[in-house]
Amino acid sequence: MASVTKRFPLRARDFLHAGEASIQVQAFLKTMRLDPGLIRRIAICSYEAEMNAVIHGGNGELEMTLAEDRIVIEVRDEGAGIADIELAMQPGYSTADETAREMGFGAGMGLPNMKTHADELELASAPGRGTRARMIFRRRPPQEKTP
């Protein structure tokens, strides 16, 4: 199977359309008849990364690559970047502004959820340089059922 890549633009502060890229990724993966548990983990991570880009990041892109042995979700943005990645990874830590919090975002669980649900998470960011989150999900062969 050749790999398939799909890209979705993300716009800063576009809360009206926030989450649509993740919904499209989820719908596509369902058409590929992947394991529902795997699709759920990918949907959680793609949504968290997409919302972080919309809330904090500035314009960017969500890219999904489906390969024979893995699915890769990469979200890149042109935002202010993360000054302290270790601090940002702590559950409950958030720099979301009041507008985002009033809409129910900013609980500080986005990055921890991504780390929990992805098989691998690579996070690259620096102040003034934007952020790149790359999540890898391994496709495992179906479990054989024991009689």
N, C-alpha and C. Protein backbone atom coordinates (compact mmCIF):
# COMPACT_ATOMS: atom_id res chain seq x y z
N MET A 1 0.84 -1.18 0.00
CA MET A 1 0.00 0.00 0.00
C MET A 1 0.88 1.24 0.00
N ALA A 2 0.63 2.14 -0.91
CA ALA A 2 1.34 3.42 -0.94
C ALA A 2 0.79 4.31 0.16
N SER A 3 1.62 5.18 0.67
CA SER A 3 1.14 6.08 1.72
C SER A 3 0.22 7.15 1.12
N VAL A 4 -0.68 7.64 1.96
CA VAL A 4 -1.63 8.69 1.58
C VAL A 4 -1.43 9.85 2.54
N THR A 5 -1.32 11.06 2.00
CA THR A 5 -1.17 12.25 2.83
C THR A 5 -2.29 13.22 2.53
N LYS A 6 -2.85 13.75 3.59
CA LYS A 6 -3.89 14.77 3.47
C LYS A 6 -3.48 15.96 4.33
N ARG A 7 -3.73 17.17 3.82
CA ARG A 7 -3.36 18.39 4.53
C ARG A 7 -4.59 19.27 4.71
N PHE A 8 -4.64 19.92 5.88
CA PHE A 8 -5.76 20.78 6.22
C PHE A 8 -5.22 22.09 6.79
N PRO A 9 -5.60 23.22 6.21
CA PRO A 9 -5.13 24.51 6.75
C PRO A 9 -5.82 24.82 8.08
N LEU A 10 -5.09 25.49 8.94
CA LEU A 10 -5.63 25.92 10.23
C LEU A 10 -5.46 27.44 10.33
N ARG A 11 -6.49 28.10 10.80
CA ARG A 11 -6.43 29.56 10.93
C ARG A 11 -6.49 29.96 12.39
N ALA A 12 -5.64 30.88 12.74
CA ALA A 12 -5.56 31.38 14.11
C ALA A 12 -6.90 31.96 14.54
N ARG A 13 -7.31 31.59 15.76
CA ARG A 13 -8.50 32.14 16.41
C ARG A 13 -9.79 31.88 15.64
N ASP A 14 -9.79 30.93 14.72
CA ASP A 14 -10.99 30.60 13.94
C ASP A 14 -11.77 29.51 14.68
N PHE A 15 -12.42 29.92 15.75
CA PHE A 15 -13.14 28.97 16.59
C PHE A 15 -14.37 28.40 15.89
N LEU A 16 -14.90 29.10 14.91
CA LEU A 16 -16.06 28.61 14.18
C LEU A 16 -15.73 27.31 13.43
N HIS A 17 -14.52 27.22 12.89
CA HIS A 17 -14.12 26.05 12.10
C HIS A 17 -13.16 25.13 12.85
N ALA A 18 -12.81 25.49 14.06
CA ALA A 18 -11.87 24.69 14.84
C ALA A 18 -12.42 23.29 15.06
N GLY A 19 -11.60 22.30 14.83
CA GLY A 19 -12.00 20.91 14.98
C GLY A 19 -12.39 20.23 13.69
N GLU A 20 -12.63 21.01 12.63
CA GLU A 20 -13.07 20.41 11.36
C GLU A 20 -12.00 19.53 10.73
N ALA A 21 -10.74 19.90 10.83
CA ALA A 21 -9.68 19.08 10.25
C ALA A 21 -9.65 17.71 10.93
N SER A 22 -9.77 17.71 12.25
CA SER A 22 -9.77 16.45 13.00
C SER A 22 -10.96 15.57 12.63
N ILE A 23 -12.10 16.19 12.43
CA ILE A 23 -13.29 15.45 12.02
C ILE A 23 -13.08 14.81 10.64
N GLN A 24 -12.45 15.54 9.74
CA GLN A 24 -12.18 15.00 8.41
C GLN A 24 -11.16 13.86 8.46
N VAL A 25 -10.15 13.99 9.31
CA VAL A 25 -9.18 12.90 9.49
C VAL A 25 -9.90 11.66 10.01
N GLN A 26 -10.73 11.84 11.04
CA GLN A 26 -11.46 10.72 11.62
C GLN A 26 -12.36 10.05 10.59
N ALA A 27 -13.08 10.84 9.81
CA ALA A 27 -13.97 10.29 8.79
C ALA A 27 -13.19 9.49 7.75
N PHE A 28 -12.05 10.03 7.32
CA PHE A 28 -11.23 9.33 6.34
C PHE A 28 -10.73 8.00 6.90
N LEU A 29 -10.24 8.01 8.13
CA LEU A 29 -9.72 6.77 8.72
C LEU A 29 -10.82 5.73 8.89
N LYS A 30 -12.04 6.16 9.15
CA LYS A 30 -13.17 5.22 9.23
C LYS A 30 -13.41 4.55 7.88
N THR A 31 -13.27 5.32 6.79
CA THR A 31 -13.46 4.71 5.46
C THR A 31 -12.38 3.69 5.15
N MET A 32 -11.25 3.80 5.82
CA MET A 32 -10.15 2.85 5.63
C MET A 32 -10.31 1.62 6.52
N ARG A 33 -11.39 1.60 7.30
CA ARG A 33 -11.73 0.47 8.17
C ARG A 33 -10.62 0.12 9.16
N LEU A 34 -10.03 1.15 9.74
CA LEU A 34 -9.02 0.93 10.76
C LEU A 34 -9.69 0.59 12.08
N ASP A 35 -8.90 0.07 12.99
CA ASP A 35 -9.37 -0.28 14.31
C ASP A 35 -10.02 0.93 14.98
N PRO A 36 -11.25 0.80 15.49
CA PRO A 36 -11.93 1.93 16.12
C PRO A 36 -11.16 2.54 17.30
N GLY A 37 -10.46 1.71 18.06
CA GLY A 37 -9.66 2.24 19.16
C GLY A 37 -8.52 3.11 18.67
N LEU A 38 -7.90 2.69 17.57
CA LEU A 38 -6.82 3.48 16.98
C LEU A 38 -7.37 4.80 16.45
N ILE A 39 -8.50 4.73 15.77
CA ILE A 39 -9.12 5.96 15.24
C ILE A 39 -9.45 6.91 16.38
N ARG A 40 -9.95 6.38 17.48
CA ARG A 40 -10.30 7.23 18.64
C ARG A 40 -9.06 7.95 19.17
N ARG A 41 -7.95 7.22 19.33
CA ARG A 41 -6.71 7.83 19.83
C ARG A 41 -6.21 8.92 18.89
N ILE A 42 -6.29 8.65 17.58
CA ILE A 42 -5.86 9.63 16.59
C ILE A 42 -6.77 10.86 16.64
N ALA A 43 -8.06 10.64 16.76
CA ALA A 43 -9.02 11.76 16.82
C ALA A 43 -8.75 12.64 18.03
N ILE A 44 -8.48 12.04 19.18
CA ILE A 44 -8.19 12.81 20.38
C ILE A 44 -6.96 13.67 20.16
N CYS A 45 -5.90 13.06 19.67
CA CYS A 45 -4.63 13.79 19.49
C CYS A 45 -4.71 14.85 18.41
N SER A 46 -5.36 14.54 17.30
CA SER A 46 -5.44 15.54 16.23
C SER A 46 -6.28 16.73 16.69
N TYR A 47 -7.34 16.47 17.43
CA TYR A 47 -8.18 17.56 17.94
C TYR A 47 -7.40 18.43 18.93
N GLU A 48 -6.72 17.80 19.88
CA GLU A 48 -5.95 18.57 20.87
C GLU A 48 -4.89 19.43 20.18
N ALA A 49 -4.18 18.86 19.22
CA ALA A 49 -3.14 19.62 18.52
C ALA A 49 -3.74 20.73 17.67
N GLU A 50 -4.85 20.43 17.01
CA GLU A 50 -5.53 21.44 16.19
C GLU A 50 -6.00 22.60 17.06
N MET A 51 -6.61 22.30 18.20
CA MET A 51 -7.10 23.36 19.07
C MET A 51 -5.95 24.19 19.64
N ASN A 52 -4.83 23.54 19.98
CA ASN A 52 -3.68 24.31 20.45
C ASN A 52 -3.21 25.29 19.38
N ALA A 53 -3.20 24.84 18.12
CA ALA A 53 -2.78 25.73 17.04
C ALA A 53 -3.76 26.89 16.87
N VAL A 54 -5.04 26.60 16.95
CA VAL A 54 -6.06 27.65 16.78
C VAL A 54 -6.02 28.64 17.96
N ILE A 55 -5.90 28.12 19.16
CA ILE A 55 -5.92 28.98 20.35
C ILE A 55 -4.62 29.77 20.50
N HIS A 56 -3.50 29.10 20.35
CA HIS A 56 -2.21 29.70 20.68
C HIS A 56 -1.33 30.02 19.47
N GLY A 57 -1.55 29.32 18.38
CA GLY A 57 -0.51 29.20 17.39
C GLY A 57 -0.45 30.14 16.23
N GLY A 58 -1.51 30.70 15.85
CA GLY A 58 -1.42 31.39 14.57
C GLY A 58 -1.76 30.43 13.46
N ASN A 59 -1.67 30.87 12.25
CA ASN A 59 -2.00 30.02 11.11
C ASN A 59 -1.08 28.82 11.06
N GLY A 60 -1.58 27.73 10.50
CA GLY A 60 -0.78 26.53 10.42
C GLY A 60 -1.43 25.48 9.55
N GLU A 61 -1.03 24.23 9.80
CA GLU A 61 -1.51 23.13 8.98
C GLU A 61 -1.51 21.85 9.79
N LEU A 62 -2.53 21.04 9.57
CA LEU A 62 -2.57 19.68 10.09
C LEU A 62 -2.34 18.75 8.91
N GLU A 63 -1.38 17.86 9.06
CA GLU A 63 -1.06 16.91 8.00
C GLU A 63 -1.19 15.50 8.56
N MET A 64 -1.92 14.65 7.83
CA MET A 64 -2.11 13.26 8.22
C MET A 64 -1.51 12.39 7.13
N THR A 65 -0.65 11.45 7.53
CA THR A 65 -0.07 10.50 6.59
C THR A 65 -0.42 9.09 7.05
N LEU A 66 -1.08 8.37 6.18
CA LEU A 66 -1.44 6.98 6.42
C LEU A 66 -0.47 6.11 5.64
N ALA A 67 0.30 5.30 6.36
CA ALA A 67 1.26 4.38 5.74
C ALA A 67 0.90 2.96 6.15
N GLU A 68 1.60 2.01 5.59
CA GLU A 68 1.32 0.60 5.85
C GLU A 68 1.39 0.27 7.34
N ASP A 69 2.37 0.81 8.03
CA ASP A 69 2.60 0.42 9.42
C ASP A 69 2.29 1.50 10.45
N ARG A 70 1.90 2.70 9.99
CA ARG A 70 1.67 3.79 10.94
C ARG A 70 0.81 4.89 10.35
N ILE A 71 0.30 5.70 11.24
CA ILE A 71 -0.38 6.95 10.86
C ILE A 71 0.38 8.05 11.59
N VAL A 72 0.70 9.09 10.86
CA VAL A 72 1.42 10.23 11.45
C VAL A 72 0.54 11.46 11.33
N ILE A 73 0.36 12.14 12.45
CA ILE A 73 -0.34 13.42 12.48
C ILE A 73 0.71 14.46 12.83
N GLU A 74 0.83 15.47 11.99
CA GLU A 74 1.77 16.55 12.27
C GLU A 74 1.01 17.87 12.17
N VAL A 75 1.13 18.67 13.21
CA VAL A 75 0.50 19.99 13.24
C VAL A 75 1.60 21.01 13.41
N ARG A 76 1.65 21.94 12.46
CA ARG A 76 2.64 23.02 12.49
C ARG A 76 1.90 24.35 12.54
N ASP A 77 2.44 25.28 13.32
CA ASP A 77 1.83 26.60 13.35
C ASP A 77 2.90 27.68 13.37
N GLU A 78 2.45 28.90 13.11
CA GLU A 78 3.34 30.05 13.02
C GLU A 78 3.20 30.96 14.23
N GLY A 79 2.80 30.39 15.35
CA GLY A 79 2.52 31.19 16.53
C GLY A 79 3.74 31.60 17.31
N ALA A 80 3.48 32.03 18.53
CA ALA A 80 4.53 32.57 19.40
C ALA A 80 5.49 31.51 19.91
N GLY A 81 5.10 30.25 19.81
CA GLY A 81 5.97 29.17 20.29
C GLY A 81 5.78 28.92 21.78
N ILE A 82 6.41 27.86 22.24
CA ILE A 82 6.33 27.46 23.64
C ILE A 82 7.68 27.75 24.29
N ALA A 83 7.68 28.56 25.31
CA ALA A 83 8.93 28.95 25.97
C ALA A 83 9.52 27.80 26.79
N ASP A 84 8.67 27.02 27.47
CA ASP A 84 9.14 25.95 28.35
C ASP A 84 8.29 24.70 28.09
N ILE A 85 8.77 23.83 27.22
CA ILE A 85 8.02 22.64 26.84
C ILE A 85 7.76 21.73 28.03
N GLU A 86 8.75 21.56 28.90
CA GLU A 86 8.57 20.70 30.07
C GLU A 86 7.43 21.21 30.95
N LEU A 87 7.36 22.50 31.16
CA LEU A 87 6.27 23.09 31.95
C LEU A 87 4.93 22.92 31.23
N ALA A 88 4.93 23.15 29.92
CA ALA A 88 3.70 23.03 29.13
C ALA A 88 3.15 21.61 29.12
N MET A 89 3.99 20.62 29.33
CA MET A 89 3.57 19.22 29.34
C MET A 89 2.91 18.82 30.66
N GLN A 90 2.97 19.67 31.67
CA GLN A 90 2.39 19.33 32.97
C GLN A 90 0.87 19.47 32.91
N PRO A 91 0.14 18.44 33.35
CA PRO A 91 -1.33 18.52 33.36
C PRO A 91 -1.81 19.74 34.14
N GLY A 92 -2.72 20.49 33.53
CA GLY A 92 -3.30 21.66 34.17
C GLY A 92 -2.61 22.96 33.85
N TYR A 93 -1.40 22.90 33.28
CA TYR A 93 -0.70 24.14 32.93
C TYR A 93 -1.30 24.69 31.63
N SER A 94 -1.65 25.96 31.62
CA SER A 94 -2.26 26.56 30.43
C SER A 94 -1.88 28.03 30.33
N THR A 95 -1.71 28.46 29.09
CA THR A 95 -1.51 29.88 28.82
C THR A 95 -2.67 30.43 27.99
N ALA A 96 -3.78 29.69 27.95
CA ALA A 96 -4.94 30.14 27.18
C ALA A 96 -5.45 31.46 27.74
N ASP A 97 -5.87 32.33 26.84
CA ASP A 97 -6.39 33.63 27.27
C ASP A 97 -7.83 33.50 27.75
N GLU A 98 -8.36 34.58 28.25
CA GLU A 98 -9.71 34.59 28.82
C GLU A 98 -10.78 34.21 27.79
N THR A 99 -10.62 34.67 26.54
CA THR A 99 -11.59 34.34 25.49
C THR A 99 -11.68 32.84 25.29
N ALA A 100 -10.54 32.17 25.19
CA ALA A 100 -10.53 30.72 25.02
C ALA A 100 -11.12 30.02 26.23
N ARG A 101 -10.80 30.50 27.41
CA ARG A 101 -11.33 29.89 28.64
C ARG A 101 -12.85 30.04 28.74
N GLU A 102 -13.36 31.18 28.31
CA GLU A 102 -14.81 31.39 28.34
C GLU A 102 -15.54 30.41 27.42
N MET A 103 -14.85 29.92 26.39
CA MET A 103 -15.44 28.95 25.47
C MET A 103 -15.22 27.51 25.93
N GLY A 104 -14.59 27.34 27.08
CA GLY A 104 -14.39 26.01 27.63
C GLY A 104 -13.04 25.39 27.32
N PHE A 105 -12.14 26.14 26.71
CA PHE A 105 -10.80 25.63 26.40
C PHE A 105 -9.82 26.11 27.46
N GLY A 106 -8.60 25.59 27.40
CA GLY A 106 -7.57 26.08 28.30
C GLY A 106 -7.45 25.34 29.60
N ALA A 107 -7.88 24.07 29.64
CA ALA A 107 -7.78 23.28 30.86
C ALA A 107 -6.36 22.77 31.10
N GLY A 108 -5.50 22.93 30.11
CA GLY A 108 -4.13 22.49 30.27
C GLY A 108 -3.94 20.99 30.11
N MET A 109 -4.82 20.34 29.36
CA MET A 109 -4.71 18.90 29.17
C MET A 109 -4.38 18.51 27.73
N GLY A 110 -4.25 19.48 26.83
CA GLY A 110 -4.00 19.18 25.43
C GLY A 110 -2.71 18.39 25.21
N LEU A 111 -1.59 18.94 25.63
CA LEU A 111 -0.32 18.24 25.43
C LEU A 111 -0.24 16.94 26.23
N PRO A 112 -0.68 16.92 27.51
CA PRO A 112 -0.67 15.63 28.22
C PRO A 112 -1.55 14.57 27.54
N ASN A 113 -2.70 14.96 27.00
CA ASN A 113 -3.54 14.00 26.27
C ASN A 113 -2.84 13.48 25.02
N MET A 114 -2.15 14.36 24.32
CA MET A 114 -1.41 13.94 23.13
C MET A 114 -0.34 12.93 23.52
N LYS A 115 0.38 13.19 24.60
CA LYS A 115 1.43 12.28 25.05
C LYS A 115 0.85 10.92 25.46
N THR A 116 -0.30 10.95 26.12
CA THR A 116 -0.94 9.71 26.60
C THR A 116 -1.44 8.85 25.44
N HIS A 117 -2.04 9.46 24.43
CA HIS A 117 -2.73 8.68 23.40
C HIS A 117 -1.91 8.37 22.15
N ALA A 118 -0.82 9.08 21.93
CA ALA A 118 0.04 8.78 20.78
C ALA A 118 1.07 7.73 21.19
N ASP A 119 1.50 6.90 20.24
CA ASP A 119 2.59 5.97 20.53
C ASP A 119 3.90 6.74 20.69
N GLU A 120 4.04 7.81 19.92
CA GLU A 120 5.22 8.68 20.03
C GLU A 120 4.76 10.12 19.83
N LEU A 121 5.34 11.03 20.59
CA LEU A 121 5.06 12.46 20.44
C LEU A 121 6.38 13.19 20.36
N GLU A 122 6.56 13.95 19.29
CA GLU A 122 7.72 14.82 19.15
C GLU A 122 7.19 16.24 19.14
N LEU A 123 7.75 17.08 19.99
CA LEU A 123 7.30 18.46 20.10
C LEU A 123 8.51 19.36 19.94
N ALA A 124 8.44 20.25 18.96
CA ALA A 124 9.53 21.19 18.71
C ALA A 124 8.94 22.60 18.71
N SER A 125 9.52 23.47 19.52
CA SER A 125 9.01 24.83 19.60
C SER A 125 10.06 25.72 20.23
N ALA A 126 9.95 26.99 19.91
CA ALA A 126 10.80 28.00 20.52
C ALA A 126 10.07 29.33 20.41
N PRO A 127 10.27 30.20 21.39
CA PRO A 127 9.62 31.51 21.32
C PRO A 127 9.88 32.21 19.98
N GLY A 128 8.79 32.68 19.37
CA GLY A 128 8.88 33.38 18.10
C GLY A 128 9.06 32.51 16.88
N ARG A 129 9.08 31.19 17.07
CA ARG A 129 9.33 30.27 15.95
C ARG A 129 8.21 29.29 15.67
N GLY A 130 7.11 29.42 16.37
CA GLY A 130 6.00 28.50 16.15
C GLY A 130 6.24 27.16 16.82
N THR A 131 5.35 26.22 16.52
CA THR A 131 5.39 24.90 17.15
C THR A 131 5.11 23.83 16.12
N ARG A 132 5.77 22.68 16.31
CA ARG A 132 5.51 21.51 15.48
C ARG A 132 5.29 20.33 16.42
N ALA A 133 4.11 19.74 16.32
CA ALA A 133 3.79 18.53 17.09
C ALA A 133 3.64 17.39 16.09
N ARG A 134 4.40 16.34 16.28
CA ARG A 134 4.36 15.17 15.40
C ARG A 134 4.02 13.96 16.25
N MET A 135 2.91 13.32 15.91
CA MET A 135 2.44 12.16 16.66
C MET A 135 2.41 10.95 15.75
N ILE A 136 2.93 9.86 16.26
CA ILE A 136 2.99 8.61 15.50
C ILE A 136 2.11 7.58 16.19
N PHE A 137 1.32 6.89 15.38
CA PHE A 137 0.42 5.83 15.84
C PHE A 137 0.74 4.58 15.04
N ARG A 138 1.19 3.54 15.71
CA ARG A 138 1.55 2.32 15.01
C ARG A 138 0.31 1.49 14.71
N ARG A 139 0.26 0.99 13.50
CA ARG A 139 -0.81 0.07 13.12
C ARG A 139 -0.37 -1.33 13.51
N ARG A 140 -1.16 -1.98 14.31
CA ARG A 140 -0.83 -3.30 14.77
C ARG A 140 -1.72 -4.31 14.06
N PRO A 141 -1.17 -5.50 13.83
CA PRO A 141 -2.02 -6.52 13.22
C PRO A 141 -3.17 -6.88 14.15
N PRO A 142 -4.30 -7.31 13.61
CA PRO A 142 -5.44 -7.68 14.47
C PRO A 142 -5.04 -8.78 15.44
N GLN A 143 -5.54 -8.67 16.65
CA GLN A 143 -5.27 -9.69 17.68
C GLN A 143 -6.01 -10.97 17.30
N GLU A 144 -5.31 -12.08 17.41
CA GLU A 144 -5.97 -13.36 17.16
C GLU A 144 -6.82 -13.70 18.38
N LYS A 145 -8.02 -14.14 18.11
CA LYS A 145 -8.92 -14.51 19.22
C LYS A 145 -8.61 -15.93 19.63
N THR A 146 -8.53 -16.12 20.93
CA THR A 146 -8.29 -17.47 21.43
C THR A 146 -9.62 -18.18 21.61
N PRO A 147 -9.66 -19.47 21.32
CA PRO A 147 -10.94 -20.21 21.42
C PRO A 147 -11.42 -20.34 22.83
